[in-house]
Amino acid sequence: MVPVRLESRRGDVPPADPYVRRFWVAAIGSSAVAELLRLVRAAEKGEGVRLPRTLPTLIRAGLVKAESAGLIVFDQVPMVPLELRWRFPPLLAAEHSRWVESRVQPPTP
């Protein structure tokens, strides 16, 4: 079993937010997102896990870090980076743009 630790990180949404399932699934696949959520749950409980099959994908996407003592997952998930958004079909890309625009808060005077 591989230990998993939860680390605090500034991000956009918690792992349970619908954004993760809606947009990250399109970017890295449903198996990788399911593994990410499993790792987060294990870290919250202080449990170890079997080595995820999608670990290379999660590491490349910056969603998981590997260290000699185990894996690190984060309490916040970033927006899908631009270099992965090319995988979005046009309607999903438009939906993502609307989501991003709705999150941008105008500066207060």
N, C-alpha and C. Protein backbone atom coordinates (compact mmCIF):
# COMPACT_ATOMS: atom_id res chain seq x y z
N MET A 1 0.84 -1.19 0.00
CA MET A 1 0.00 0.00 0.00
C MET A 1 0.88 1.25 0.00
N VAL A 2 0.42 2.25 -0.71
CA VAL A 2 1.16 3.51 -0.83
C VAL A 2 0.47 4.56 0.07
N PRO A 3 1.24 5.21 0.96
CA PRO A 3 0.63 6.27 1.76
C PRO A 3 0.25 7.47 0.90
N VAL A 4 -0.85 8.12 1.28
CA VAL A 4 -1.32 9.31 0.57
C VAL A 4 -1.55 10.41 1.61
N ARG A 5 -1.02 11.58 1.29
CA ARG A 5 -1.13 12.72 2.20
C ARG A 5 -1.87 13.85 1.50
N LEU A 6 -2.75 14.50 2.25
CA LEU A 6 -3.49 15.65 1.73
C LEU A 6 -2.74 16.92 2.09
N GLU A 7 -2.52 17.75 1.10
CA GLU A 7 -1.79 19.00 1.31
C GLU A 7 -2.68 20.16 0.87
N SER A 8 -2.59 21.24 1.61
CA SER A 8 -3.36 22.43 1.27
C SER A 8 -2.68 23.15 0.11
N ARG A 9 -3.51 23.60 -0.83
CA ARG A 9 -2.97 24.33 -1.98
C ARG A 9 -4.04 25.31 -2.45
N ARG A 10 -3.56 26.45 -2.83
CA ARG A 10 -4.48 27.44 -3.39
C ARG A 10 -4.92 26.93 -4.76
N GLY A 11 -6.20 26.89 -4.97
CA GLY A 11 -6.72 26.41 -6.24
C GLY A 11 -8.06 27.03 -6.53
N ASP A 12 -8.77 26.43 -7.42
CA ASP A 12 -10.03 27.00 -7.86
C ASP A 12 -11.25 26.33 -7.25
N VAL A 13 -11.21 25.00 -7.11
CA VAL A 13 -12.39 24.28 -6.62
C VAL A 13 -11.95 23.10 -5.75
N PRO A 14 -12.81 22.69 -4.82
CA PRO A 14 -12.51 21.47 -4.08
C PRO A 14 -12.69 20.25 -5.00
N PRO A 15 -12.05 19.13 -4.67
CA PRO A 15 -12.16 17.95 -5.54
C PRO A 15 -13.58 17.47 -5.78
N ALA A 16 -14.49 17.69 -4.84
CA ALA A 16 -15.87 17.23 -4.99
C ALA A 16 -16.73 18.17 -5.84
N ASP A 17 -16.20 19.31 -6.25
CA ASP A 17 -16.96 20.26 -7.04
C ASP A 17 -17.34 19.64 -8.40
N PRO A 18 -18.55 19.91 -8.89
CA PRO A 18 -18.95 19.37 -10.20
C PRO A 18 -17.99 19.75 -11.34
N TYR A 19 -17.27 20.86 -11.19
CA TYR A 19 -16.29 21.27 -12.22
C TYR A 19 -15.31 20.13 -12.51
N VAL A 20 -14.86 19.45 -11.47
CA VAL A 20 -13.85 18.39 -11.64
C VAL A 20 -14.38 17.29 -12.54
N ARG A 21 -15.57 16.83 -12.25
CA ARG A 21 -16.14 15.75 -13.07
C ARG A 21 -16.52 16.24 -14.47
N ARG A 22 -16.94 17.46 -14.60
CA ARG A 22 -17.39 17.97 -15.90
C ARG A 22 -16.22 18.24 -16.84
N PHE A 23 -15.21 18.94 -16.34
CA PHE A 23 -14.15 19.40 -17.24
C PHE A 23 -12.87 18.55 -17.16
N TRP A 24 -12.47 18.13 -15.96
CA TRP A 24 -11.27 17.31 -15.88
C TRP A 24 -11.46 15.94 -16.54
N VAL A 25 -12.67 15.40 -16.48
CA VAL A 25 -12.92 14.12 -17.17
C VAL A 25 -12.66 14.27 -18.66
N ALA A 26 -13.09 15.38 -19.24
CA ALA A 26 -12.85 15.61 -20.67
C ALA A 26 -11.37 15.78 -20.98
N ALA A 27 -10.61 16.29 -20.01
CA ALA A 27 -9.19 16.57 -20.24
C ALA A 27 -8.31 15.34 -20.04
N ILE A 28 -8.58 14.54 -18.99
CA ILE A 28 -7.68 13.42 -18.66
C ILE A 28 -8.37 12.07 -18.59
N GLY A 29 -9.69 12.05 -18.70
CA GLY A 29 -10.42 10.79 -18.71
C GLY A 29 -11.07 10.46 -17.38
N SER A 30 -12.12 9.68 -17.46
CA SER A 30 -12.90 9.35 -16.27
C SER A 30 -12.13 8.47 -15.29
N SER A 31 -11.29 7.59 -15.80
CA SER A 31 -10.52 6.72 -14.89
C SER A 31 -9.54 7.54 -14.05
N ALA A 32 -8.89 8.50 -14.67
CA ALA A 32 -7.93 9.32 -13.93
C ALA A 32 -8.64 10.17 -12.88
N VAL A 33 -9.80 10.73 -13.22
CA VAL A 33 -10.54 11.54 -12.26
C VAL A 33 -11.05 10.65 -11.12
N ALA A 34 -11.54 9.46 -11.44
CA ALA A 34 -11.99 8.54 -10.38
C ALA A 34 -10.83 8.20 -9.44
N GLU A 35 -9.65 7.96 -10.01
CA GLU A 35 -8.47 7.68 -9.18
C GLU A 35 -8.10 8.87 -8.31
N LEU A 36 -8.18 10.08 -8.87
CA LEU A 36 -7.88 11.28 -8.10
C LEU A 36 -8.81 11.38 -6.90
N LEU A 37 -10.10 11.20 -7.13
CA LEU A 37 -11.07 11.30 -6.04
C LEU A 37 -10.86 10.19 -5.01
N ARG A 38 -10.47 9.01 -5.45
CA ARG A 38 -10.17 7.91 -4.53
C ARG A 38 -8.96 8.26 -3.67
N LEU A 39 -7.95 8.87 -4.28
CA LEU A 39 -6.75 9.27 -3.54
C LEU A 39 -7.07 10.35 -2.51
N VAL A 40 -7.91 11.29 -2.89
CA VAL A 40 -8.29 12.36 -1.95
C VAL A 40 -9.03 11.76 -0.76
N ARG A 41 -9.98 10.86 -1.02
CA ARG A 41 -10.72 10.22 0.08
C ARG A 41 -9.78 9.45 0.99
N ALA A 42 -8.85 8.71 0.40
CA ALA A 42 -7.89 7.94 1.21
C ALA A 42 -7.03 8.87 2.06
N ALA A 43 -6.59 9.98 1.48
CA ALA A 43 -5.76 10.93 2.22
C ALA A 43 -6.55 11.54 3.37
N GLU A 44 -7.81 11.85 3.15
CA GLU A 44 -8.64 12.42 4.21
C GLU A 44 -8.82 11.44 5.36
N LYS A 45 -8.84 10.15 5.05
CA LYS A 45 -9.02 9.12 6.08
C LYS A 45 -7.69 8.64 6.65
N GLY A 46 -6.58 9.06 6.06
CA GLY A 46 -5.28 8.59 6.50
C GLY A 46 -4.98 7.16 6.10
N GLU A 47 -5.56 6.71 5.00
CA GLU A 47 -5.38 5.34 4.52
C GLU A 47 -4.38 5.30 3.35
N GLY A 48 -3.78 4.15 3.18
CA GLY A 48 -2.94 3.90 2.02
C GLY A 48 -3.78 3.34 0.89
N VAL A 49 -3.22 3.34 -0.32
CA VAL A 49 -3.93 2.84 -1.50
C VAL A 49 -2.99 1.99 -2.35
N ARG A 50 -3.60 1.22 -3.22
CA ARG A 50 -2.80 0.56 -4.26
C ARG A 50 -2.32 1.64 -5.22
N LEU A 51 -1.19 1.42 -5.83
CA LEU A 51 -0.64 2.39 -6.78
C LEU A 51 -1.63 2.59 -7.93
N PRO A 52 -2.07 3.82 -8.17
CA PRO A 52 -3.06 4.08 -9.22
C PRO A 52 -2.48 3.80 -10.61
N ARG A 53 -3.28 3.19 -11.45
CA ARG A 53 -2.85 2.90 -12.82
C ARG A 53 -2.70 4.18 -13.64
N THR A 54 -3.44 5.21 -13.27
CA THR A 54 -3.40 6.46 -14.02
C THR A 54 -2.43 7.47 -13.39
N LEU A 55 -1.57 7.01 -12.51
CA LEU A 55 -0.66 7.92 -11.80
C LEU A 55 0.16 8.81 -12.74
N PRO A 56 0.73 8.30 -13.82
CA PRO A 56 1.49 9.20 -14.71
C PRO A 56 0.64 10.35 -15.26
N THR A 57 -0.60 10.07 -15.60
CA THR A 57 -1.50 11.11 -16.09
C THR A 57 -1.76 12.15 -15.02
N LEU A 58 -2.03 11.70 -13.80
CA LEU A 58 -2.30 12.61 -12.69
C LEU A 58 -1.09 13.48 -12.35
N ILE A 59 0.08 12.90 -12.43
CA ILE A 59 1.31 13.66 -12.15
C ILE A 59 1.55 14.70 -13.24
N ARG A 60 1.42 14.28 -14.52
CA ARG A 60 1.62 15.23 -15.63
C ARG A 60 0.64 16.39 -15.55
N ALA A 61 -0.58 16.12 -15.10
CA ALA A 61 -1.59 17.17 -15.00
C ALA A 61 -1.40 18.04 -13.77
N GLY A 62 -0.47 17.67 -12.89
CA GLY A 62 -0.21 18.46 -11.70
C GLY A 62 -1.23 18.25 -10.59
N LEU A 63 -1.99 17.16 -10.66
CA LEU A 63 -3.01 16.89 -9.67
C LEU A 63 -2.51 16.03 -8.51
N VAL A 64 -1.38 15.37 -8.72
CA VAL A 64 -0.76 14.51 -7.71
C VAL A 64 0.74 14.72 -7.78
N LYS A 65 1.39 14.68 -6.63
CA LYS A 65 2.85 14.70 -6.58
C LYS A 65 3.31 13.39 -5.96
N ALA A 66 4.42 12.88 -6.47
CA ALA A 66 5.02 11.68 -5.89
C ALA A 66 6.28 12.07 -5.15
N GLU A 67 6.45 11.49 -3.99
CA GLU A 67 7.67 11.70 -3.21
C GLU A 67 8.08 10.34 -2.65
N SER A 68 9.26 10.27 -2.07
CA SER A 68 9.75 8.99 -1.59
C SER A 68 8.86 8.38 -0.51
N ALA A 69 8.15 9.23 0.25
CA ALA A 69 7.30 8.73 1.33
C ALA A 69 5.88 8.37 0.86
N GLY A 70 5.56 8.62 -0.40
CA GLY A 70 4.22 8.30 -0.89
C GLY A 70 3.71 9.34 -1.87
N LEU A 71 2.40 9.48 -1.92
CA LEU A 71 1.76 10.40 -2.85
C LEU A 71 1.15 11.58 -2.10
N ILE A 72 1.11 12.71 -2.77
CA ILE A 72 0.49 13.91 -2.22
C ILE A 72 -0.64 14.32 -3.15
N VAL A 73 -1.82 14.52 -2.56
CA VAL A 73 -2.96 15.08 -3.28
C VAL A 73 -3.31 16.41 -2.61
N PHE A 74 -4.12 17.19 -3.26
CA PHE A 74 -4.37 18.55 -2.78
C PHE A 74 -5.84 18.76 -2.45
N ASP A 75 -6.09 19.71 -1.56
CA ASP A 75 -7.46 20.01 -1.15
C ASP A 75 -8.18 20.92 -2.13
N GLN A 76 -7.47 21.42 -3.13
CA GLN A 76 -8.07 22.26 -4.17
C GLN A 76 -7.54 21.80 -5.53
N VAL A 77 -8.41 21.87 -6.53
CA VAL A 77 -8.07 21.46 -7.89
C VAL A 77 -8.05 22.71 -8.77
N PRO A 78 -7.00 22.87 -9.57
CA PRO A 78 -6.96 24.05 -10.45
C PRO A 78 -7.89 23.89 -11.65
N MET A 79 -8.08 24.97 -12.37
CA MET A 79 -8.80 24.89 -13.63
C MET A 79 -7.98 24.04 -14.59
N VAL A 80 -8.64 23.43 -15.53
CA VAL A 80 -7.94 22.65 -16.55
C VAL A 80 -7.02 23.60 -17.29
N PRO A 81 -5.72 23.28 -17.37
CA PRO A 81 -4.80 24.19 -18.07
C PRO A 81 -5.08 24.25 -19.57
N LEU A 82 -4.70 25.36 -20.14
CA LEU A 82 -4.94 25.61 -21.55
C LEU A 82 -4.41 24.48 -22.44
N GLU A 83 -3.25 23.93 -22.08
CA GLU A 83 -2.66 22.88 -22.92
C GLU A 83 -3.46 21.59 -22.93
N LEU A 84 -4.42 21.43 -22.00
CA LEU A 84 -5.29 20.25 -22.02
C LEU A 84 -6.68 20.56 -22.55
N ARG A 85 -7.02 21.82 -22.66
CA ARG A 85 -8.37 22.20 -23.11
C ARG A 85 -8.61 21.90 -24.58
N TRP A 86 -7.57 21.65 -25.35
CA TRP A 86 -7.75 21.33 -26.77
C TRP A 86 -8.58 20.05 -26.94
N ARG A 87 -8.64 19.25 -25.89
CA ARG A 87 -9.41 18.00 -25.95
C ARG A 87 -10.91 18.24 -25.83
N PHE A 88 -11.30 19.43 -25.41
CA PHE A 88 -12.72 19.73 -25.22
C PHE A 88 -13.42 19.83 -26.57
N PRO A 89 -14.58 19.19 -26.70
CA PRO A 89 -15.39 19.47 -27.90
C PRO A 89 -15.85 20.93 -27.85
N PRO A 90 -16.22 21.51 -28.99
CA PRO A 90 -16.57 22.93 -29.03
C PRO A 90 -17.61 23.37 -28.00
N LEU A 91 -18.66 22.60 -27.80
CA LEU A 91 -19.69 23.00 -26.84
C LEU A 91 -19.16 23.01 -25.41
N LEU A 92 -18.34 22.05 -25.09
CA LEU A 92 -17.76 22.00 -23.74
C LEU A 92 -16.75 23.14 -23.56
N ALA A 93 -16.00 23.45 -24.60
CA ALA A 93 -15.06 24.58 -24.53
C ALA A 93 -15.81 25.88 -24.27
N ALA A 94 -16.95 26.05 -24.93
CA ALA A 94 -17.76 27.25 -24.72
C ALA A 94 -18.32 27.28 -23.30
N GLU A 95 -18.76 26.12 -22.82
CA GLU A 95 -19.27 26.04 -21.45
C GLU A 95 -18.16 26.37 -20.45
N HIS A 96 -16.96 25.88 -20.71
CA HIS A 96 -15.83 26.16 -19.81
C HIS A 96 -15.52 27.66 -19.81
N SER A 97 -15.53 28.27 -20.96
CA SER A 97 -15.28 29.72 -21.04
C SER A 97 -16.31 30.49 -20.24
N ARG A 98 -17.58 30.09 -20.35
CA ARG A 98 -18.62 30.75 -19.56
C ARG A 98 -18.38 30.55 -18.07
N TRP A 99 -17.97 29.34 -17.68
CA TRP A 99 -17.70 29.05 -16.27
C TRP A 99 -16.57 29.94 -15.77
N VAL A 100 -15.49 30.05 -16.55
CA VAL A 100 -14.35 30.88 -16.15
C VAL A 100 -14.79 32.34 -16.02
N GLU A 101 -15.54 32.84 -17.00
CA GLU A 101 -16.00 34.23 -16.95
C GLU A 101 -16.89 34.49 -15.74
N SER A 102 -17.70 33.51 -15.37
CA SER A 102 -18.59 33.71 -14.22
C SER A 102 -17.82 33.74 -12.91
N ARG A 103 -16.63 33.18 -12.90
CA ARG A 103 -15.80 33.15 -11.68
C ARG A 103 -14.94 34.39 -11.53
N VAL A 104 -14.76 35.13 -12.61
CA VAL A 104 -13.92 36.33 -12.54
C VAL A 104 -14.73 37.44 -11.88
N GLN A 105 -14.21 37.92 -10.78
CA GLN A 105 -14.88 38.98 -10.05
C GLN A 105 -14.28 40.33 -10.48
N PRO A 106 -15.13 41.30 -10.81
CA PRO A 106 -14.59 42.62 -11.15
C PRO A 106 -13.95 43.25 -9.91
N PRO A 107 -12.89 44.02 -10.09
CA PRO A 107 -12.24 44.65 -8.94
C PRO A 107 -13.18 45.67 -8.29
N THR A 108 -13.10 45.73 -6.98
CA THR A 108 -13.93 46.70 -6.27
C THR A 108 -13.22 48.05 -6.25
N PRO A 109 -14.00 49.14 -6.44
CA PRO A 109 -13.37 50.47 -6.49
C PRO A 109 -12.88 50.94 -5.14
